[in-house]
Amino acid sequence: MIVRACCKINIGLNIIRRREDGYHDLETVMYPVSGLYDTLTVEKNGTEHSHFIGRGIVVDCPDEQNICMKAARLMQELYSIGGVTVILDKRIPFGAGLGGGSSDGTAVIKAINEIFTLGLTEEKLEDIAAMLGSDTPFFVKGKPQLCTGRGEIMKQADVNLNGLTLVIAKPDEGVSTREAYAGVKPAEPAEPLTELLKRPVKEWRSNVKNDFEPHIFAAHPNIKRLKEAMYEQGAIYAAMSGSGSAVFGLFDNDIDFNPPQAGLFVHTQKL
């Protein structure tokens, strides 16, 4: 079975408080980006063990620790099924705040549900995906969602970017989750994100913030420069996605984005 695992961008990201369990309560809208995706082939292999083959971008972790393998082992533990072979052709940059790994893990869960005819509901698939990480459940439906709690509590978000041009750019550096959260300063937002996003996109620049940006930009000036370049070239809204290091811009016209540094990853698509 061949499946696509798309990435996401975060529109607004408020870190509200640190929880007793060590996680943070947050508020963000995750928006799927169908044009930038990894391709996975998931097949029964007739054994009791799962195997992983990686192609494309090389992920900086051992194969056995890849989230695809974690997802396969989790499904085997829960449902006593046989092994699968997962071939991942990776195109979404990692360490970017685009959720590529989470999307891959969720894609494996959904594929196993299909090839073993488990008949799991979307709600159950979300519950299982949440065992792998905070934003993995989002990729079950793959529709714009307001995410709260540690990211796993979701409800449909009324955000429509159709007709805009999206540019995603990533410098040749990543930001770890540990680094992102180490410098954040939790605070209650003055106005709920859902209210802010009801305004025209052109007004988001002044109000829709990503709380990771201040300290990440201070430590990684190349990421800050990317956001500045988006606005200089006509973006009506630009922000870092998630904990970075990717930055996205929304344009109301076609754009041939000229990155400020050579060798950057750049993806452009019409939404």
C-alpha atoms as a PDB file:
ATOM      1  CA  MET A   1       0.000   0.000   0.000  1.00  0.00           C
ATOM      2  CA  ILE A   2       1.405   3.379  -1.043  1.00  0.00           C
ATOM      3  CA  VAL A   3       0.377   6.458   0.945  1.00  0.00           C
ATOM      4  CA  ARG A   4       1.316  10.117   1.073  1.00  0.00           C
ATOM      5  CA  ALA A   5       2.161  11.755   4.397  1.00  0.00           C
ATOM      6  CA  CYS A   6       1.741  15.506   4.026  1.00  0.00           C
ATOM      7  CA  CYS A   7       3.267  18.177   6.251  1.00  0.00           C
ATOM      8  CA  LYS A   8       1.602  21.018   8.157  1.00  0.00           C
ATOM      9  CA  ILE A   9       2.168  24.621   9.076  1.00  0.00           C
ATOM     10  CA  ASN A  10       1.213  26.292  12.348  1.00  0.00           C
ATOM     11  CA  ILE A  11      -0.844  29.451  12.096  1.00  0.00           C
ATOM     12  CA  GLY A  12      -0.321  31.150  15.429  1.00  0.00           C
ATOM     13  CA  LEU A  13       1.240  29.338  18.359  1.00  0.00           C
ATOM     14  CA  ASN A  14       0.609  30.446  21.933  1.00  0.00           C
ATOM     15  CA  ILE A  15       2.456  28.663  24.751  1.00  0.00           C
ATOM     16  CA  ILE A  16       0.060  29.210  27.628  1.00  0.00           C
ATOM     17  CA  ARG A  17       1.514  27.397  30.650  1.00  0.00           C
ATOM     18  CA  ARG A  18       3.873  24.651  31.772  1.00  0.00           C
ATOM     19  CA  ARG A  19       2.027  21.606  33.086  1.00  0.00           C
ATOM     20  CA  GLU A  20       2.861  19.403  36.048  1.00  0.00           C
ATOM     21  CA  ASP A  21       3.619  16.509  33.673  1.00  0.00           C
ATOM     22  CA  GLY A  22       6.417  18.533  32.040  1.00  0.00           C
ATOM     23  CA  TYR A  23       4.495  19.340  28.873  1.00  0.00           C
ATOM     24  CA  HIS A  24       3.067  22.746  27.981  1.00  0.00           C
ATOM     25  CA  ASP A  25      -0.505  23.772  27.259  1.00  0.00           C
ATOM     26  CA  LEU A  26      -0.615  25.494  23.902  1.00  0.00           C
ATOM     27  CA  GLU A  27      -3.000  26.928  21.356  1.00  0.00           C
ATOM     28  CA  THR A  28      -2.345  26.700  17.627  1.00  0.00           C
ATOM     29  CA  VAL A  29      -4.055  26.042  14.320  1.00  0.00           C
ATOM     30  CA  MET A  30      -2.465  23.286  12.276  1.00  0.00           C
ATOM     31  CA  TYR A  31      -3.061  23.557   8.552  1.00  0.00           C
ATOM     32  CA  PRO A  32      -2.271  20.660   6.169  1.00  0.00           C
ATOM     33  CA  VAL A  33       0.017  21.229   3.190  1.00  0.00           C
ATOM     34  CA  SER A  34      -0.885  18.591   0.635  1.00  0.00           C
ATOM     35  CA  GLY A  35       1.799  19.546  -1.881  1.00  0.00           C
ATOM     36  CA  LEU A  36       4.764  18.727   0.351  1.00  0.00           C
ATOM     37  CA  TYR A  37       4.721  15.107   1.426  1.00  0.00           C
ATOM     38  CA  ASP A  38       6.684  11.944   2.126  1.00  0.00           C
ATOM     39  CA  THR A  39       5.734   8.763   0.290  1.00  0.00           C
ATOM     40  CA  LEU A  40       5.446   5.527   2.252  1.00  0.00           C
ATOM     41  CA  THR A  41       5.019   1.974   1.039  1.00  0.00           C
ATOM     42  CA  VAL A  42       3.611  -0.279   3.782  1.00  0.00           C
ATOM     43  CA  GLU A  43       3.244  -4.016   3.097  1.00  0.00           C
ATOM     44  CA  LYS A  44       2.769  -7.225   5.065  1.00  0.00           C
ATOM     45  CA  ASN A  45       6.039  -9.149   5.079  1.00  0.00           C
ATOM     46  CA  GLY A  46       4.820 -12.558   6.294  1.00  0.00           C
ATOM     47  CA  THR A  47       6.932 -12.526   9.461  1.00  0.00           C
ATOM     48  CA  GLU A  48       6.454 -11.419  13.051  1.00  0.00           C
ATOM     49  CA  HIS A  49       8.957  -8.571  12.686  1.00  0.00           C
ATOM     50  CA  SER A  50       8.704  -5.178  11.035  1.00  0.00           C
ATOM     51  CA  HIS A  51      11.432  -3.669   8.891  1.00  0.00           C
ATOM     52  CA  PHE A  52      12.256  -0.158   7.744  1.00  0.00           C
ATOM     53  CA  ILE A  53      13.959   1.101   4.586  1.00  0.00           C
ATOM     54  CA  GLY A  54      14.745   4.798   4.261  1.00  0.00           C
ATOM     55  CA  ARG A  55      15.233   6.718   1.024  1.00  0.00           C
ATOM     56  CA  GLY A  56      15.478  10.385   0.129  1.00  0.00           C
ATOM     57  CA  ILE A  57      16.461  12.743   2.937  1.00  0.00           C
ATOM     58  CA  VAL A  58      18.498  10.862   5.535  1.00  0.00           C
ATOM     59  CA  VAL A  59      16.936  11.155   9.004  1.00  0.00           C
ATOM     60  CA  ASP A  60      19.389  11.585  11.884  1.00  0.00           C
ATOM     61  CA  CYS A  61      18.301   8.594  13.968  1.00  0.00           C
ATOM     62  CA  PRO A  62      18.821   4.822  13.820  1.00  0.00           C
ATOM     63  CA  ASP A  63      16.268   2.961  11.691  1.00  0.00           C
ATOM     64  CA  GLU A  64      14.925   1.115  14.725  1.00  0.00           C
ATOM     65  CA  GLN A  65      14.133   4.450  16.386  1.00  0.00           C
ATOM     66  CA  ASN A  66      12.397   5.935  13.354  1.00  0.00           C
ATOM     67  CA  ILE A  67       8.812   6.874  14.181  1.00  0.00           C
ATOM     68  CA  CYS A  68       7.612   4.601  11.371  1.00  0.00           C
ATOM     69  CA  MET A  69       9.043   1.623  13.239  1.00  0.00           C
ATOM     70  CA  LYS A  70       7.626   2.872  16.529  1.00  0.00           C
ATOM     71  CA  ALA A  71       4.192   3.079  14.892  1.00  0.00           C
ATOM     72  CA  ALA A  72       4.470  -0.419  13.417  1.00  0.00           C
ATOM     73  CA  ARG A  73       5.569  -1.935  16.737  1.00  0.00           C
ATOM     74  CA  LEU A  74       2.785  -0.114  18.580  1.00  0.00           C
ATOM     75  CA  MET A  75       0.145  -1.542  16.236  1.00  0.00           C
ATOM     76  CA  GLN A  76       1.633  -5.025  16.604  1.00  0.00           C
ATOM     77  CA  GLU A  77       1.481  -4.743  20.399  1.00  0.00           C
ATOM     78  CA  LEU A  78      -2.101  -3.484  20.381  1.00  0.00           C
ATOM     79  CA  TYR A  79      -3.594  -5.865  17.807  1.00  0.00           C
ATOM     80  CA  SER A  80      -1.285  -8.926  17.649  1.00  0.00           C
ATOM     81  CA  ILE A  81      -0.789  -8.566  13.919  1.00  0.00           C
ATOM     82  CA  GLY A  82       2.134  -9.695  11.783  1.00  0.00           C
ATOM     83  CA  GLY A  83       5.081  -7.633  10.692  1.00  0.00           C
ATOM     84  CA  VAL A  84       5.230  -5.037   7.951  1.00  0.00           C
ATOM     85  CA  THR A  85       7.946  -3.555   5.788  1.00  0.00           C
ATOM     86  CA  VAL A  86       7.894   0.223   5.619  1.00  0.00           C
ATOM     87  CA  ILE A  87       9.713   2.024   2.819  1.00  0.00           C
ATOM     88  CA  LEU A  88       9.933   5.764   3.459  1.00  0.00           C
ATOM     89  CA  ASP A  89      10.838   8.122   0.627  1.00  0.00           C
ATOM     90  CA  LYS A  90      11.478  11.271   2.660  1.00  0.00           C
ATOM     91  CA  ARG A  91      11.013  14.714   1.134  1.00  0.00           C
ATOM     92  CA  ILE A  92       9.810  16.790   4.114  1.00  0.00           C
ATOM     93  CA  PRO A  93      12.804  18.304   5.950  1.00  0.00           C
ATOM     94  CA  PHE A  94      13.136  17.270   9.595  1.00  0.00           C
ATOM     95  CA  GLY A  95      13.899  19.619  12.471  1.00  0.00           C
ATOM     96  CA  ALA A  96      11.718  22.101  10.614  1.00  0.00           C
ATOM     97  CA  GLY A  97       8.475  22.395  12.598  1.00  0.00           C
ATOM     98  CA  LEU A  98       6.547  20.902   9.667  1.00  0.00           C
ATOM     99  CA  GLY A  99       5.459  17.705  11.416  1.00  0.00           C
ATOM    100  CA  GLY A 100       6.962  15.383   8.820  1.00  0.00           C
ATOM    101  CA  GLY A 101       7.917  12.679  11.304  1.00  0.00           C
ATOM    102  CA  SER A 102       4.546  12.812  13.025  1.00  0.00           C
ATOM    103  CA  SER A 103       2.818  12.567   9.659  1.00  0.00           C
ATOM    104  CA  ASP A 104       4.915   9.520   8.732  1.00  0.00           C
ATOM    105  CA  GLY A 105       4.056   7.742  11.976  1.00  0.00           C
ATOM    106  CA  THR A 106       0.360   8.416  11.583  1.00  0.00           C
ATOM    107  CA  ALA A 107       0.458   7.285   7.952  1.00  0.00           C
ATOM    108  CA  VAL A 108       1.880   3.927   9.060  1.00  0.00           C
ATOM    109  CA  ILE A 109      -0.895   3.519  11.646  1.00  0.00           C
ATOM    110  CA  LYS A 110      -3.569   4.307   9.062  1.00  0.00           C
ATOM    111  CA  ALA A 111      -1.998   1.995   6.473  1.00  0.00           C
ATOM    112  CA  ILE A 112      -1.807  -0.922   8.927  1.00  0.00           C
ATOM    113  CA  ASN A 113      -5.450  -0.354   9.796  1.00  0.00           C
ATOM    114  CA  GLU A 114      -6.274  -0.788   6.109  1.00  0.00           C
ATOM    115  CA  ILE A 115      -4.028  -3.692   5.128  1.00  0.00           C
ATOM    116  CA  PHE A 116      -4.991  -5.750   8.175  1.00  0.00           C
ATOM    117  CA  THR A 117      -8.682  -4.689   7.891  1.00  0.00           C
ATOM    118  CA  LEU A 118      -8.836  -3.669  11.561  1.00  0.00           C
ATOM    119  CA  GLY A 119     -11.808  -1.366  11.006  1.00  0.00           C
ATOM    120  CA  LEU A 120     -10.625   1.299  13.446  1.00  0.00           C
ATOM    121  CA  THR A 121     -12.570   4.552  13.601  1.00  0.00           C
ATOM    122  CA  GLU A 122     -10.952   7.969  13.126  1.00  0.00           C
ATOM    123  CA  GLU A 123     -11.392   8.595  16.844  1.00  0.00           C
ATOM    124  CA  LYS A 124      -9.560   5.379  17.715  1.00  0.00           C
ATOM    125  CA  LEU A 125      -6.818   6.123  15.187  1.00  0.00           C
ATOM    126  CA  GLU A 126      -6.332   9.524  16.831  1.00  0.00           C
ATOM    127  CA  ASP A 127      -6.053   7.877  20.247  1.00  0.00           C
ATOM    128  CA  ILE A 128      -3.380   5.506  18.964  1.00  0.00           C
ATOM    129  CA  ALA A 129      -1.500   8.268  17.147  1.00  0.00           C
ATOM    130  CA  ALA A 130      -1.422  10.305  20.369  1.00  0.00           C
ATOM    131  CA  MET A 131       0.681   7.539  21.919  1.00  0.00           C
ATOM    132  CA  LEU A 132       3.472   8.487  19.500  1.00  0.00           C
ATOM    133  CA  GLY A 133       3.522  12.248  20.056  1.00  0.00           C
ATOM    134  CA  SER A 134       1.628  15.484  20.546  1.00  0.00           C
ATOM    135  CA  ASP A 135       0.773  16.469  16.985  1.00  0.00           C
ATOM    136  CA  THR A 136       0.481  13.010  15.428  1.00  0.00           C
ATOM    137  CA  PRO A 137      -3.343  12.827  15.874  1.00  0.00           C
ATOM    138  CA  PHE A 138      -3.754  15.864  13.605  1.00  0.00           C
ATOM    139  CA  PHE A 139      -2.678  13.828  10.596  1.00  0.00           C
ATOM    140  CA  VAL A 140      -5.517  11.309  10.925  1.00  0.00           C
ATOM    141  CA  LYS A 141      -8.044  13.736   9.401  1.00  0.00           C
ATOM    142  CA  GLY A 142      -5.537  16.099   7.813  1.00  0.00           C
ATOM    143  CA  LYS A 143      -7.907  19.075   7.937  1.00  0.00           C
ATOM    144  CA  PRO A 144      -7.391  22.494   9.577  1.00  0.00           C
ATOM    145  CA  GLN A 145      -7.696  21.981  13.320  1.00  0.00           C
ATOM    146  CA  LEU A 146      -7.491  24.168  16.410  1.00  0.00           C
ATOM    147  CA  CYS A 147      -5.137  22.215  18.663  1.00  0.00           C
ATOM    148  CA  THR A 148      -4.996  22.752  22.418  1.00  0.00           C
ATOM    149  CA  GLY A 149      -3.724  20.856  25.467  1.00  0.00           C
ATOM    150  CA  ARG A 150      -0.290  19.599  24.422  1.00  0.00           C
ATOM    151  CA  GLY A 151      -1.588  19.585  20.847  1.00  0.00           C
ATOM    152  CA  GLU A 152      -3.717  16.453  20.998  1.00  0.00           C
ATOM    153  CA  ILE A 153      -7.093  18.127  21.750  1.00  0.00           C
ATOM    154  CA  MET A 154      -8.551  19.171  18.422  1.00  0.00           C
ATOM    155  CA  LYS A 155     -11.604  20.744  16.909  1.00  0.00           C
ATOM    156  CA  GLN A 156     -12.239  21.916  13.384  1.00  0.00           C
ATOM    157  CA  ALA A 157     -10.811  25.351  12.605  1.00  0.00           C
ATOM    158  CA  ASP A 158     -12.617  27.694  10.248  1.00  0.00           C
ATOM    159  CA  VAL A 159      -9.509  28.816   8.363  1.00  0.00           C
ATOM    160  CA  ASN A 160      -9.500  28.887   4.568  1.00  0.00           C
ATOM    161  CA  LEU A 161      -6.360  29.866   2.663  1.00  0.00           C
ATOM    162  CA  ASN A 162      -7.634  28.764  -0.756  1.00  0.00           C
ATOM    163  CA  GLY A 163      -6.287  30.883  -3.594  1.00  0.00           C
ATOM    164  CA  LEU A 164      -3.211  32.092  -1.730  1.00  0.00           C
ATOM    165  CA  THR A 165       0.325  31.058  -2.650  1.00  0.00           C
ATOM    166  CA  LEU A 166       2.313  29.342   0.081  1.00  0.00           C
ATOM    167  CA  VAL A 167       6.094  29.442   0.250  1.00  0.00           C
ATOM    168  CA  ILE A 168       7.940  27.282   2.789  1.00  0.00           C
ATOM    169  CA  ALA A 169      11.671  27.802   3.246  1.00  0.00           C
ATOM    170  CA  LYS A 170      14.122  26.116   5.599  1.00  0.00           C
ATOM    171  CA  PRO A 171      17.732  27.076   6.273  1.00  0.00           C
ATOM    172  CA  ASP A 172      20.460  24.479   6.605  1.00  0.00           C
ATOM    173  CA  GLU A 173      19.998  24.244  10.367  1.00  0.00           C
ATOM    174  CA  GLY A 174      17.401  22.722  12.639  1.00  0.00           C
ATOM    175  CA  VAL A 175      15.840  23.526  15.979  1.00  0.00           C
ATOM    176  CA  SER A 176      15.351  20.738  18.499  1.00  0.00           C
ATOM    177  CA  THR A 177      12.203  20.532  20.577  1.00  0.00           C
ATOM    178  CA  ARG A 178      14.381  20.778  23.676  1.00  0.00           C
ATOM    179  CA  GLU A 179      15.925  24.047  22.505  1.00  0.00           C
ATOM    180  CA  ALA A 180      12.563  25.493  21.490  1.00  0.00           C
ATOM    181  CA  TYR A 181      10.876  24.881  24.831  1.00  0.00           C
ATOM    182  CA  ALA A 182      13.921  25.770  26.934  1.00  0.00           C
ATOM    183  CA  GLY A 183      13.661  29.443  26.038  1.00  0.00           C
ATOM    184  CA  VAL A 184       9.911  29.936  25.832  1.00  0.00           C
ATOM    185  CA  LYS A 185       8.022  32.198  28.248  1.00  0.00           C
ATOM    186  CA  PRO A 186       4.468  30.879  28.749  1.00  0.00           C
ATOM    187  CA  ALA A 187       1.688  33.456  29.012  1.00  0.00           C
ATOM    188  CA  GLU A 188      -2.059  33.699  28.574  1.00  0.00           C
ATOM    189  CA  PRO A 189      -2.837  35.364  25.208  1.00  0.00           C
ATOM    190  CA  ALA A 190      -4.658  38.681  25.337  1.00  0.00           C
ATOM    191  CA  GLU A 191      -7.168  37.421  22.762  1.00  0.00           C
ATOM    192  CA  PRO A 192      -8.042  33.825  21.754  1.00  0.00           C
ATOM    193  CA  LEU A 193      -6.407  32.663  18.542  1.00  0.00           C
ATOM    194  CA  THR A 194      -9.782  31.710  17.083  1.00  0.00           C
ATOM    195  CA  GLU A 195     -10.909  35.335  17.309  1.00  0.00           C
ATOM    196  CA  LEU A 196      -7.718  36.669  15.760  1.00  0.00           C
ATOM    197  CA  LEU A 197      -7.999  34.304  12.793  1.00  0.00           C
ATOM    198  CA  LYS A 198     -11.456  35.640  11.945  1.00  0.00           C
ATOM    199  CA  ARG A 199      -9.762  38.810  10.741  1.00  0.00           C
ATOM    200  CA  PRO A 200      -8.478  39.160   7.152  1.00  0.00           C
ATOM    201  CA  VAL A 201      -5.134  37.449   6.573  1.00  0.00           C
ATOM    202  CA  LYS A 202      -3.521  40.839   5.900  1.00  0.00           C
ATOM    203  CA  GLU A 203      -4.222  41.780   9.529  1.00  0.00           C
ATOM    204  CA  TRP A 204      -2.592  38.677  11.016  1.00  0.00           C
ATOM    205  CA  ARG A 205       0.882  40.204  10.824  1.00  0.00           C
ATOM    206  CA  SER A 206       0.249  42.431  13.836  1.00  0.00           C
ATOM    207  CA  ASN A 207      -1.666  39.949  15.957  1.00  0.00           C
ATOM    208  CA  VAL A 208      -1.052  36.277  15.122  1.00  0.00           C
ATOM    209  CA  LYS A 209       2.225  35.326  16.806  1.00  0.00           C
ATOM    210  CA  ASN A 210       4.419  32.293  17.316  1.00  0.00           C
ATOM    211  CA  ASP A 211       5.745  32.350  20.897  1.00  0.00           C
ATOM    212  CA  PHE A 212       8.855  30.391  19.880  1.00  0.00           C
ATOM    213  CA  GLU A 213      10.076  33.111  17.538  1.00  0.00           C
ATOM    214  CA  PRO A 214      11.735  35.648  19.902  1.00  0.00           C
ATOM    215  CA  HIS A 215      14.342  33.332  21.431  1.00  0.00           C
ATOM    216  CA  ILE A 216      14.749  31.144  18.333  1.00  0.00           C
ATOM    217  CA  PHE A 217      15.377  34.221  16.179  1.00  0.00           C
ATOM    218  CA  ALA A 218      17.931  35.493  18.717  1.00  0.00           C
ATOM    219  CA  ALA A 219      19.828  32.201  18.565  1.00  0.00           C
ATOM    220  CA  HIS A 220      19.337  31.598  14.814  1.00  0.00           C
ATOM    221  CA  PRO A 221      19.527  34.886  12.859  1.00  0.00           C
ATOM    222  CA  ASN A 222      19.229  33.020   9.547  1.00  0.00           C
ATOM    223  CA  ILE A 223      15.698  31.968  10.486  1.00  0.00           C
ATOM    224  CA  LYS A 224      14.783  35.551  11.381  1.00  0.00           C
ATOM    225  CA  ARG A 225      16.225  36.705   8.060  1.00  0.00           C
ATOM    226  CA  LEU A 226      14.005  34.240   6.217  1.00  0.00           C
ATOM    227  CA  LYS A 227      10.870  35.748   7.740  1.00  0.00           C
ATOM    228  CA  GLU A 228      12.067  39.244   6.891  1.00  0.00           C
ATOM    229  CA  ALA A 229      12.702  38.149   3.298  1.00  0.00           C
ATOM    230  CA  MET A 230       9.151  36.814   3.025  1.00  0.00           C
ATOM    231  CA  TYR A 231       7.737  40.240   3.924  1.00  0.00           C
ATOM    232  CA  GLU A 232      10.250  42.086   1.732  1.00  0.00           C
ATOM    233  CA  GLN A 233       9.062  40.019  -1.237  1.00  0.00           C
ATOM    234  CA  GLY A 234       5.382  40.705  -0.667  1.00  0.00           C
ATOM    235  CA  ALA A 235       4.023  38.197   1.834  1.00  0.00           C
ATOM    236  CA  ILE A 236       0.777  39.267   3.478  1.00  0.00           C
ATOM    237  CA  TYR A 237       1.628  37.012   6.434  1.00  0.00           C
ATOM    238  CA  ALA A 238       4.775  35.138   7.419  1.00  0.00           C
ATOM    239  CA  ALA A 239       5.792  33.132  10.468  1.00  0.00           C
ATOM    240  CA  MET A 240       7.980  30.336  11.699  1.00  0.00           C
ATOM    241  CA  SER A 241       6.136  27.021  11.658  1.00  0.00           C
ATOM    242  CA  GLY A 242       5.935  25.249  15.001  1.00  0.00           C
ATOM    243  CA  SER A 243       9.290  25.248  16.770  1.00  0.00           C
ATOM    244  CA  GLY A 244      11.155  25.920  13.502  1.00  0.00           C
ATOM    245  CA  SER A 245      13.387  26.111  11.637  1.00  0.00           C
ATOM    246  CA  ALA A 246      11.092  26.378   8.590  1.00  0.00           C
ATOM    247  CA  VAL A 247       9.395  29.688   7.852  1.00  0.00           C
ATOM    248  CA  PHE A 248       6.327  30.082   5.661  1.00  0.00           C
ATOM    249  CA  GLY A 249       4.839  33.020   3.828  1.00  0.00           C
ATOM    250  CA  LEU A 250       1.365  33.570   2.404  1.00  0.00           C
ATOM    251  CA  PHE A 251       1.155  35.634  -0.783  1.00  0.00           C
ATOM    252  CA  ASP A 252      -1.920  36.904  -2.615  1.00  0.00           C
ATOM    253  CA  ASN A 253      -0.117  36.645  -5.959  1.00  0.00           C
ATOM    254  CA  ASP A 254       2.241  34.239  -7.715  1.00  0.00           C
ATOM    255  CA  ILE A 255       5.753  34.481  -6.318  1.00  0.00           C
ATOM    256  CA  ASP A 256       9.195  33.302  -7.407  1.00  0.00           C
ATOM    257  CA  PHE A 257      10.726  33.491  -3.953  1.00  0.00           C
ATOM    258  CA  ASN A 258      14.353  34.599  -3.876  1.00  0.00           C
ATOM    259  CA  PRO A 259      15.888  33.130  -0.688  1.00  0.00           C
ATOM    260  CA  PRO A 260      18.349  35.327   1.214  1.00  0.00           C
ATOM    261  CA  GLN A 261      20.889  32.490   1.506  1.00  0.00           C
ATOM    262  CA  ALA A 262      22.062  29.916  -0.990  1.00  0.00           C
ATOM    263  CA  GLY A 263      21.236  26.244  -0.599  1.00  0.00           C
ATOM    264  CA  LEU A 264      17.923  26.639   1.200  1.00  0.00           C
ATOM    265  CA  PHE A 265      15.066  24.176   0.921  1.00  0.00           C
ATOM    266  CA  VAL A 266      12.146  26.006  -0.756  1.00  0.00           C
ATOM    267  CA  HIS A 267       8.663  24.712  -1.529  1.00  0.00           C
ATOM    268  CA  THR A 268       6.008  26.778  -3.329  1.00  0.00           C
ATOM    269  CA  GLN A 269       2.403  25.842  -4.038  1.00  0.00           C
ATOM    270  CA  LYS A 270      -1.010  27.320  -4.676  1.00  0.00           C
ATOM    271  CA  LEU A 271      -3.446  26.556  -1.866  1.00  0.00           C
END
